[in-house]
Amino acid sequence: MKKHLLSSLLLAVALSSSMLFTACSNTDNIVPDIPGNHEVEKPKARITETIRKDEAKATVYNIEYPSVDPYGNVCMLSGSVIVGDELENDGKQARGMVLYNHFTVFQKEQCPTLGDLGVALKVVGSKLICVAPDYYGFGSTGDKNQAYCMSRTNAQNSVDCLLAARELLKEKGYTWGEFLFNLGYSEGGQTSMGVIRLCAEKYPDIKITHSICGAGPYDIGETYHQLVKAGTTSMPSTVISTALAFNEYYRLGLKNADMFKEPTLSNIPVYLLSKNYKRGDFEGTLASETISEWFQPAMLDFNSEPSKKIMEAQEKDNLSKGWKPRGNERISLIHNKLDACVPYSNTTKMAEFFKANGFTIDEGTTDNRYVDGKVFVYSINIPALSKTVGAHEVAALAFVTELITVITHYLEIAPWFTLTAEELQGV
């Protein structure tokens, strides 16, 4: 029992180190409004590295591929494509693909191409190929600051990684079936929802079998508003990183000193912009959980110019309004009602949006997730277990449970992996 609990806690932490900025190229009159400049001739995608993972019985192909920076300009990004050995024994025929959108990371080495593959490495045992983008600001663009929680940018980067992976895999003789699972937790949950929106707007040929979106800040402005009203956050680094990203890439013109007090102000380059530290190494030193201790008074006043600028920019990236979802989507929304990092109102507003667009909302009362036009809301109500295992991290367990439940249903297989405490120690 103790070993099982330790496994659970470690998995939560591994999945949710959850919830930042120079572009590949700049123009003075462009704001982040991806689609970006797709008329420009793009460089070709390529495999940059092949890594053998004997312990996972898998091969990882690291790739570079053309996508866009937060201003919509073409640049080369990186991602990982994970293929299990079972495909080599089955004529390189996969049953489908998983698009895995990673959670918040701060350290360079935490992105997929530098080895932090986590659950993505486990997915391949189900005869699925997993595609895991780094996002802008990591991997091949690791010298840039990340476009943190900017769902337009991250979703485009993710879809472009999927399309590039498909072309490169064809060249290596792989084929795959119709299944495509789109999933992610926290920032990855937001990105996964962004992928749903992007495919509805621009990629009608990309058919998603099922999306699993966990605890995402779908309405990033609502997240900012609710946390400031509450006065606390379990992960101050995520609030700081969001303000930095939207100020930078929407060119709001705010100085960091307009937004942050000392000593947080001086600690931002050290702990966030350097990407030399992962969450847990710096959170208490960077900022306390009490927001007023590090946000300037203007950032706490929704009528102030700095606060209005931030919220107006974030409203442009609001996933819970302004688009028309495809009617055949099948979506699971996972969240902890006691989440002190990403307020549960994000999931409530997202469900209301889909309901207004003709979807059936199932509040976890049945297990019929698998019909078109259904949003399955899987809520838990578990408080933080310790200072290092918060309510946000706890819900990552529900996310993994849903991942296994959904994939095993469609593929008609038994659960294909377990995670022991020993395995998780190194994640």
Protein backbone atom coordinates (compact mmCIF):
# COMPACT_ATOMS: atom_id res chain seq x y z
CA MET A 1 0.00 0.00 0.00
CA LYS A 2 2.79 2.42 0.86
CA LYS A 3 4.59 1.58 -2.36
CA HIS A 4 1.40 2.16 -4.36
CA LEU A 5 0.87 5.54 -2.69
CA LEU A 6 4.47 6.55 -3.36
CA SER A 7 4.04 5.62 -7.00
CA SER A 8 0.93 7.74 -7.18
CA LEU A 9 2.52 10.75 -5.59
CA LEU A 10 5.63 10.55 -7.72
CA LEU A 11 3.53 10.23 -10.86
CA ALA A 12 1.58 13.32 -9.93
CA VAL A 13 4.76 15.31 -9.46
CA ALA A 14 6.32 13.95 -12.63
CA LEU A 15 3.32 14.87 -14.74
CA SER A 16 2.68 18.28 -13.26
CA SER A 17 5.75 20.30 -12.58
CA SER A 18 3.11 22.49 -13.90
CA MET A 19 2.22 25.53 -15.02
CA LEU A 20 9.80 33.56 -20.79
CA PHE A 21 10.90 35.43 -24.70
CA THR A 22 12.78 36.38 -28.02
CA ALA A 23 11.41 35.30 -31.39
CA CYS A 24 13.13 33.58 -34.30
CA SER A 25 12.55 36.72 -36.27
CA ASN A 26 10.68 39.95 -35.63
CA THR A 27 8.48 42.41 -37.42
CA ASP A 28 7.29 45.57 -35.74
CA ASN A 29 3.61 45.33 -36.61
CA ILE A 30 2.77 41.68 -35.96
CA VAL A 31 1.14 40.40 -32.79
CA PRO A 32 0.59 36.73 -31.97
CA ASP A 33 -2.41 35.85 -34.09
CA ILE A 34 -1.29 32.49 -35.45
CA PRO A 35 -2.02 31.14 -38.25
CA GLY A 36 1.20 32.92 -39.14
CA ASN A 37 2.84 33.35 -42.52
CA HIS A 38 2.19 30.02 -44.22
CA GLU A 39 2.82 31.45 -47.69
CA VAL A 40 6.57 31.55 -47.06
CA GLU A 41 8.43 28.52 -48.38
CA LYS A 42 9.32 26.41 -45.38
CA PRO A 43 12.47 24.36 -44.79
CA LYS A 44 12.01 20.59 -44.78
CA ALA A 45 11.64 18.53 -41.64
CA ARG A 46 14.47 16.15 -40.78
CA ILE A 47 15.50 13.57 -38.23
CA THR A 48 18.34 14.99 -36.17
CA GLU A 49 19.03 12.13 -33.78
CA THR A 50 18.06 8.51 -33.20
CA ILE A 51 18.12 7.36 -29.58
CA ARG A 52 17.70 3.81 -28.40
CA LYS A 53 15.67 3.27 -25.20
CA ASP A 54 16.33 -0.35 -24.33
CA GLU A 55 14.57 -0.19 -20.98
CA ALA A 56 11.38 0.98 -22.70
CA LYS A 57 11.84 -1.22 -25.77
CA ALA A 58 11.51 1.82 -27.96
CA THR A 59 13.36 4.08 -30.38
CA VAL A 60 13.15 7.86 -30.21
CA TYR A 61 13.58 9.94 -33.34
CA ASN A 62 14.31 13.56 -32.51
CA ILE A 63 13.21 15.82 -35.33
CA GLU A 64 13.41 19.43 -36.44
CA TYR A 65 10.47 20.77 -38.40
CA PRO A 66 9.12 24.07 -39.74
CA SER A 67 6.52 25.87 -37.70
CA VAL A 68 6.01 29.43 -36.50
CA ASP A 69 7.29 31.61 -33.70
CA PRO A 70 4.87 33.58 -31.48
CA TYR A 71 4.73 36.36 -34.10
CA GLY A 72 3.71 33.97 -36.87
CA ASN A 73 7.09 33.91 -38.61
CA VAL A 74 8.50 30.65 -39.93
CA CYS A 75 11.15 28.99 -37.77
CA MET A 76 12.48 25.49 -37.06
CA LEU A 77 11.30 23.74 -33.92
CA SER A 78 12.03 20.34 -32.42
CA GLY A 79 10.14 17.36 -31.10
CA SER A 80 10.37 13.65 -30.43
CA VAL A 81 8.74 10.71 -32.19
CA ILE A 82 8.65 7.53 -30.12
CA VAL A 83 8.23 4.14 -31.77
CA GLY A 84 7.93 0.88 -29.83
CA ASP A 85 9.77 -2.32 -30.74
CA GLU A 86 6.46 -4.12 -31.23
CA LEU A 87 6.06 -2.26 -34.52
CA GLU A 88 9.34 -3.61 -35.86
CA ASN A 89 7.96 -7.09 -35.28
CA ASP A 90 4.70 -6.23 -37.01
CA GLY A 91 5.82 -4.80 -40.33
CA LYS A 92 6.14 -1.24 -38.98
CA GLN A 93 2.36 -1.01 -38.80
CA ALA A 94 1.05 1.11 -35.94
CA ARG A 95 -2.59 1.26 -34.87
CA GLY A 96 -2.46 5.02 -34.72
CA MET A 97 -0.77 7.97 -33.04
CA VAL A 98 -0.75 9.94 -29.82
CA LEU A 99 -0.07 13.67 -29.87
CA TYR A 100 1.36 14.30 -26.41
CA ASN A 101 1.46 17.95 -25.33
CA HIS A 102 3.77 18.30 -22.35
CA PHE A 103 3.04 20.07 -19.08
CA THR A 104 4.89 23.14 -17.82
CA VAL A 105 8.67 22.89 -17.71
CA PHE A 106 11.32 25.45 -16.86
CA GLN A 107 14.62 23.61 -17.17
CA LYS A 108 16.19 23.08 -20.61
CA GLU A 109 16.60 19.36 -20.00
CA GLN A 110 12.93 18.84 -19.21
CA CYS A 111 11.73 19.01 -22.83
CA PRO A 112 11.06 15.78 -24.79
CA THR A 113 14.06 15.94 -27.15
CA LEU A 114 16.46 16.22 -24.22
CA GLY A 115 15.06 13.12 -22.64
CA ASP A 116 12.14 14.04 -20.38
CA LEU A 117 9.59 11.83 -22.12
CA GLY A 118 7.64 10.59 -19.09
CA VAL A 119 4.34 8.96 -20.03
CA ALA A 120 5.07 9.58 -23.72
CA LEU A 121 7.65 6.80 -23.54
CA LYS A 122 5.08 4.42 -22.04
CA VAL A 123 2.35 5.05 -24.61
CA VAL A 124 4.19 3.21 -27.36
CA GLY A 125 3.60 -0.21 -25.82
CA SER A 126 0.03 -0.01 -27.08
CA LYS A 127 1.13 -0.14 -30.74
CA LEU A 128 0.69 3.60 -31.00
CA ILE A 129 3.37 6.01 -32.21
CA CYS A 130 3.79 8.99 -29.90
CA VAL A 131 4.62 12.52 -31.13
CA ALA A 132 5.85 14.97 -28.47
CA PRO A 133 6.69 18.58 -29.46
CA ASP A 134 9.11 20.67 -27.38
CA TYR A 135 7.15 23.93 -27.99
CA TYR A 136 8.78 27.23 -28.84
CA GLY A 137 11.53 28.10 -26.37
CA PHE A 138 12.88 24.58 -25.80
CA GLY A 139 14.95 22.12 -27.79
CA SER A 140 16.13 23.74 -31.03
CA THR A 141 14.88 27.12 -29.78
CA GLY A 142 16.19 26.65 -26.27
CA ASP A 143 18.04 29.96 -26.44
CA LYS A 144 14.69 31.75 -26.80
CA ASN A 145 12.21 32.54 -24.08
CA GLN A 146 9.14 30.33 -24.06
CA ALA A 147 5.70 31.46 -25.21
CA TYR A 148 4.24 30.23 -21.99
CA CYS A 149 0.54 29.25 -22.02
CA MET A 150 -0.04 30.92 -25.38
CA SER A 151 -2.36 28.31 -26.81
CA ARG A 152 -2.39 29.68 -30.36
CA THR A 153 1.38 29.34 -30.69
CA ASN A 154 1.74 26.05 -28.84
CA ALA A 155 -1.14 24.39 -30.70
CA GLN A 156 0.31 25.38 -34.08
CA ASN A 157 3.71 24.06 -33.02
CA SER A 158 2.06 20.81 -31.92
CA VAL A 159 0.05 20.24 -35.11
CA ASP A 160 3.07 21.08 -37.26
CA CYS A 161 5.09 18.51 -35.30
CA LEU A 162 2.43 15.87 -35.96
CA LEU A 163 2.36 16.62 -39.69
CA ALA A 164 6.16 16.57 -39.94
CA ALA A 165 6.36 13.31 -38.00
CA ARG A 166 3.92 11.68 -40.39
CA GLU A 167 6.01 12.60 -43.41
CA LEU A 168 9.27 11.45 -41.83
CA LEU A 169 7.77 8.18 -40.64
CA LYS A 170 6.47 7.44 -44.15
CA GLU A 171 10.01 7.84 -45.45
CA LYS A 172 11.15 5.21 -42.93
CA GLY A 173 8.47 2.77 -44.00
CA TYR A 174 6.01 3.14 -41.13
CA THR A 175 2.25 3.04 -41.58
CA TRP A 176 -0.52 3.64 -39.06
CA GLY A 177 -4.23 3.28 -38.59
CA GLU A 178 -6.95 5.83 -37.98
CA PHE A 179 -6.57 6.35 -34.24
CA LEU A 180 -5.30 9.76 -33.12
CA PHE A 181 -5.34 10.65 -29.44
CA ASN A 182 -4.70 14.27 -28.49
CA LEU A 183 -3.77 14.75 -24.86
CA GLY A 184 -1.97 16.85 -22.28
CA TYR A 185 -2.11 18.02 -18.68
CA SER A 186 -1.89 21.59 -17.28
CA GLU A 187 -0.16 23.71 -19.95
CA GLY A 188 -0.44 20.56 -22.06
CA GLY A 189 -4.18 20.45 -21.36
CA GLN A 190 -4.50 23.99 -22.66
CA THR A 191 -2.40 23.09 -25.72
CA SER A 192 -4.56 20.01 -26.38
CA MET A 193 -7.68 22.18 -26.34
CA GLY A 194 -5.85 24.59 -28.63
CA VAL A 195 -5.24 21.70 -31.03
CA ILE A 196 -8.99 20.98 -31.09
CA ARG A 197 -9.67 24.62 -31.98
CA LEU A 198 -6.90 24.78 -34.57
CA CYS A 199 -8.08 21.62 -36.35
CA ALA A 200 -11.64 22.98 -36.42
CA GLU A 201 -10.40 26.21 -37.96
CA LYS A 202 -7.69 25.04 -40.37
CA TYR A 203 -7.16 21.28 -40.56
CA PRO A 204 -10.43 19.49 -41.42
CA ASP A 205 -8.49 16.42 -42.57
CA ILE A 206 -6.98 15.82 -39.12
CA LYS A 207 -9.50 13.55 -37.43
CA ILE A 208 -9.03 13.28 -33.66
CA THR A 209 -10.35 10.06 -32.14
CA HIS A 210 -10.44 11.39 -28.58
CA SER A 211 -8.91 14.34 -26.71
CA ILE A 212 -7.98 14.21 -23.03
CA CYS A 213 -7.43 17.69 -21.63
CA GLY A 214 -6.34 17.88 -18.00
CA ALA A 215 -6.53 20.99 -15.79
CA GLY A 216 -5.75 23.46 -18.57
CA PRO A 217 -5.96 27.26 -18.24
CA TYR A 218 -8.33 27.40 -21.20
CA ASP A 219 -9.39 30.95 -20.31
CA ILE A 220 -6.01 32.35 -19.33
CA GLY A 221 -7.53 35.72 -18.42
CA GLU A 222 -10.01 34.00 -16.10
CA THR A 223 -7.10 32.20 -14.49
CA TYR A 224 -5.28 35.47 -13.84
CA HIS A 225 -8.46 37.11 -12.54
CA GLN A 226 -9.38 34.29 -10.18
CA LEU A 227 -5.91 33.86 -8.72
CA VAL A 228 -5.52 37.59 -8.06
CA LYS A 229 -8.93 37.63 -6.38
CA ALA A 230 -7.97 34.63 -4.25
CA GLY A 231 -4.66 36.28 -3.37
CA THR A 232 -2.69 33.03 -3.47
CA THR A 233 -1.40 30.47 -5.94
CA SER A 234 0.28 27.13 -5.34
CA MET A 235 2.62 27.77 -8.28
CA PRO A 236 3.67 31.43 -8.48
CA SER A 237 6.13 30.61 -11.27
CA THR A 238 3.23 29.93 -13.64
CA VAL A 239 1.52 33.27 -13.00
CA ILE A 240 4.83 35.11 -13.42
CA SER A 241 5.68 33.22 -16.61
CA THR A 242 2.28 33.94 -18.13
CA ALA A 243 2.59 37.68 -17.48
CA LEU A 244 6.08 37.69 -18.97
CA ALA A 245 4.99 35.83 -22.11
CA PHE A 246 1.94 37.91 -22.93
CA ASN A 247 3.80 41.16 -22.26
CA GLU A 248 6.69 40.08 -24.50
CA TYR A 249 4.86 38.57 -27.44
CA TYR A 250 1.93 40.97 -27.58
CA ARG A 251 4.38 43.86 -27.21
CA LEU A 252 2.46 45.44 -24.36
CA GLY A 253 5.44 47.60 -23.47
CA LEU A 254 5.40 46.89 -19.75
CA LYS A 255 8.69 46.78 -17.90
CA ASN A 256 9.23 43.89 -15.53
CA ALA A 257 9.47 46.45 -12.75
CA ASP A 258 5.93 47.58 -13.65
CA MET A 259 4.70 44.09 -12.83
CA PHE A 260 6.94 42.62 -10.14
CA LYS A 261 8.37 43.60 -6.78
CA GLU A 262 11.77 42.70 -5.41
CA PRO A 263 13.25 40.21 -4.77
CA THR A 264 11.11 38.40 -7.38
CA LEU A 265 12.08 40.98 -9.99
CA SER A 266 15.79 40.17 -9.70
CA ASN A 267 15.16 36.43 -9.42
CA ILE A 268 13.26 36.13 -12.73
CA PRO A 269 16.40 36.07 -14.94
CA VAL A 270 18.14 33.71 -12.54
CA TYR A 271 15.44 31.11 -12.05
CA LEU A 272 13.11 31.44 -15.06
CA LEU A 273 14.88 32.96 -18.03
CA SER A 274 18.10 30.99 -17.55
CA LYS A 275 16.26 27.62 -17.79
CA ASN A 276 18.86 26.15 -15.47
CA TYR A 277 16.39 25.18 -12.77
CA LYS A 278 13.30 23.04 -12.57
CA ARG A 279 10.30 23.76 -10.42
CA GLY A 280 11.05 22.69 -6.86
CA ASP A 281 14.56 24.10 -7.07
CA PHE A 282 13.39 27.71 -6.97
CA GLU A 283 9.69 28.20 -6.24
CA GLY A 284 10.02 29.56 -2.70
CA THR A 285 13.03 31.70 -3.57
CA LEU A 286 11.45 33.15 -6.69
CA ALA A 287 8.17 34.11 -5.04
CA SER A 288 5.86 33.15 -2.20
CA GLU A 289 2.35 31.77 -2.61
CA THR A 290 0.96 35.17 -1.53
CA ILE A 291 0.55 37.08 -4.77
CA SER A 292 0.59 40.58 -3.26
CA GLU A 293 4.11 39.97 -1.98
CA TRP A 294 5.54 39.94 -5.51
CA PHE A 295 2.98 41.50 -7.86
CA GLN A 296 3.00 45.28 -8.04
CA PRO A 297 -0.24 46.93 -6.77
CA ALA A 298 -1.18 47.82 -10.36
CA MET A 299 -1.25 44.12 -11.27
CA LEU A 300 -3.74 43.53 -8.46
CA ASP A 301 -6.04 46.31 -9.67
CA PHE A 302 -8.10 45.17 -12.66
CA ASN A 303 -8.78 48.79 -13.60
CA SER A 304 -5.10 49.76 -13.82
CA GLU A 305 -3.40 50.18 -17.20
CA PRO A 306 -0.91 47.29 -16.74
CA SER A 307 -3.60 44.88 -15.61
CA LYS A 308 -5.97 45.86 -18.42
CA LYS A 309 -3.21 45.42 -21.01
CA ILE A 310 -2.42 41.92 -19.76
CA MET A 311 -6.06 40.86 -19.60
CA GLU A 312 -6.90 42.27 -23.04
CA ALA A 313 -4.03 40.29 -24.55
CA GLN A 314 -5.06 37.13 -22.70
CA GLU A 315 -8.66 37.51 -23.88
CA LYS A 316 -7.37 37.13 -27.45
CA ASP A 317 -6.18 33.64 -26.48
CA ASN A 318 -9.38 32.60 -24.70
CA LEU A 319 -10.28 29.06 -25.75
CA SER A 320 -13.78 29.18 -24.26
CA LYS A 321 -15.19 31.61 -26.84
CA GLY A 322 -14.92 32.80 -30.42
CA TRP A 323 -14.73 29.54 -32.42
CA LYS A 324 -16.96 26.73 -33.67
CA PRO A 325 -15.97 23.19 -32.63
CA ARG A 326 -16.49 20.27 -34.97
CA GLY A 327 -19.53 18.27 -33.94
CA ASN A 328 -17.74 14.91 -33.99
CA GLU A 329 -15.24 15.73 -31.23
CA ARG A 330 -14.99 13.40 -28.24
CA ILE A 331 -13.40 15.10 -25.25
CA SER A 332 -12.52 14.26 -21.66
CA LEU A 333 -11.95 17.19 -19.29
CA ILE A 334 -10.04 16.27 -16.12
CA HIS A 335 -9.71 18.63 -13.16
CA ASN A 336 -9.50 18.86 -9.38
CA LYS A 337 -12.11 21.23 -7.95
CA LEU A 338 -9.61 22.23 -5.25
CA ASP A 339 -6.88 23.16 -7.74
CA ALA A 340 -4.97 26.19 -6.39
CA CYS A 341 -2.90 26.62 -9.56
CA VAL A 342 -5.44 26.44 -12.40
CA PRO A 343 -8.90 27.41 -11.05
CA TYR A 344 -11.67 24.92 -11.73
CA SER A 345 -13.69 27.70 -13.39
CA ASN A 346 -11.59 27.00 -16.50
CA THR A 347 -13.23 23.60 -16.87
CA THR A 348 -16.67 24.99 -16.03
CA LYS A 349 -16.41 27.66 -18.72
CA MET A 350 -15.04 25.20 -21.26
CA ALA A 351 -17.94 22.80 -20.64
CA GLU A 352 -20.43 25.68 -20.94
CA PHE A 353 -18.87 26.66 -24.27
CA PHE A 354 -19.28 23.17 -25.71
CA LYS A 355 -22.83 22.92 -24.38
CA ALA A 356 -23.69 26.20 -26.12
CA ASN A 357 -22.34 24.63 -29.32
CA GLY A 358 -24.62 21.61 -29.14
CA PHE A 359 -22.46 19.16 -27.19
CA THR A 360 -23.74 16.84 -24.48
CA ILE A 361 -21.97 17.38 -21.16
CA ASP A 362 -21.57 14.30 -18.97
CA GLU A 363 -20.50 15.27 -15.46
CA GLY A 364 -18.96 11.87 -14.83
CA THR A 365 -22.32 10.24 -14.12
CA THR A 366 -21.86 7.56 -16.78
CA ASP A 367 -18.91 6.00 -18.55
CA ASN A 368 -20.21 6.67 -22.08
CA ARG A 369 -17.42 8.96 -23.31
CA TYR A 370 -17.17 7.51 -26.75
CA VAL A 371 -19.84 9.18 -28.87
CA ASP A 372 -19.58 12.21 -31.12
CA GLY A 373 -20.43 15.53 -29.55
CA LYS A 374 -19.75 14.39 -25.99
CA VAL A 375 -17.68 16.15 -23.33
CA PHE A 376 -16.97 13.91 -20.36
CA VAL A 377 -16.10 16.00 -17.27
CA TYR A 378 -14.11 13.94 -14.77
CA SER A 379 -13.81 15.96 -11.56
CA ILE A 380 -12.08 15.00 -8.35
CA ASN A 381 -12.18 16.78 -5.01
CA ILE A 382 -8.91 15.98 -3.24
CA PRO A 383 -6.88 18.59 -1.33
CA ALA A 384 -3.13 19.04 -1.47
CA LEU A 385 -1.31 16.14 0.17
CA SER A 386 1.81 18.10 1.12
CA LYS A 387 3.77 21.23 0.21
CA THR A 388 5.22 19.39 -2.80
CA VAL A 389 2.11 17.46 -3.88
CA GLY A 390 -0.61 20.04 -4.43
CA ALA A 391 -4.19 19.59 -5.57
CA HIS A 392 -3.10 20.43 -9.12
CA GLU A 393 -0.59 17.57 -9.12
CA VAL A 394 -3.04 15.13 -7.52
CA ALA A 395 -5.40 15.42 -10.49
CA ALA A 396 -2.59 14.27 -12.78
CA LEU A 397 -3.37 10.79 -11.45
CA ALA A 398 -6.91 11.10 -12.76
CA PHE A 399 -5.49 12.26 -16.09
CA VAL A 400 -3.33 9.13 -16.41
CA THR A 401 -6.25 6.94 -15.38
CA GLU A 402 -8.38 8.53 -18.10
CA LEU A 403 -5.57 8.12 -20.66
CA ILE A 404 -5.38 4.39 -19.99
CA THR A 405 -9.18 4.01 -19.86
CA VAL A 406 -9.73 5.77 -23.18
CA ILE A 407 -6.92 4.13 -25.15
CA THR A 408 -7.69 0.62 -23.93
CA HIS A 409 -11.34 1.11 -24.91
CA TYR A 410 -10.63 2.11 -28.48
CA LEU A 411 -7.83 -0.39 -29.04
CA GLU A 412 -9.68 -3.16 -27.16
CA ILE A 413 -6.61 -4.11 -25.17
CA ALA A 414 -5.73 -4.61 -21.53
CA PRO A 415 -3.76 -1.85 -19.74
CA TRP A 416 -0.29 -2.13 -21.22
CA PHE A 417 1.92 -0.40 -18.66
CA THR A 418 2.43 0.22 -14.98
CA LEU A 419 4.67 2.73 -13.26
CA THR A 420 6.50 1.57 -10.16
CA ALA A 421 8.02 3.83 -7.52
CA GLU A 422 11.48 2.80 -8.70
CA GLU A 423 10.70 3.78 -12.28
CA LEU A 424 9.35 7.14 -11.21
CA GLN A 425 12.34 8.04 -9.06
CA GLY A 426 14.27 8.99 -12.19
CA VAL A 427 11.48 10.85 -14.01
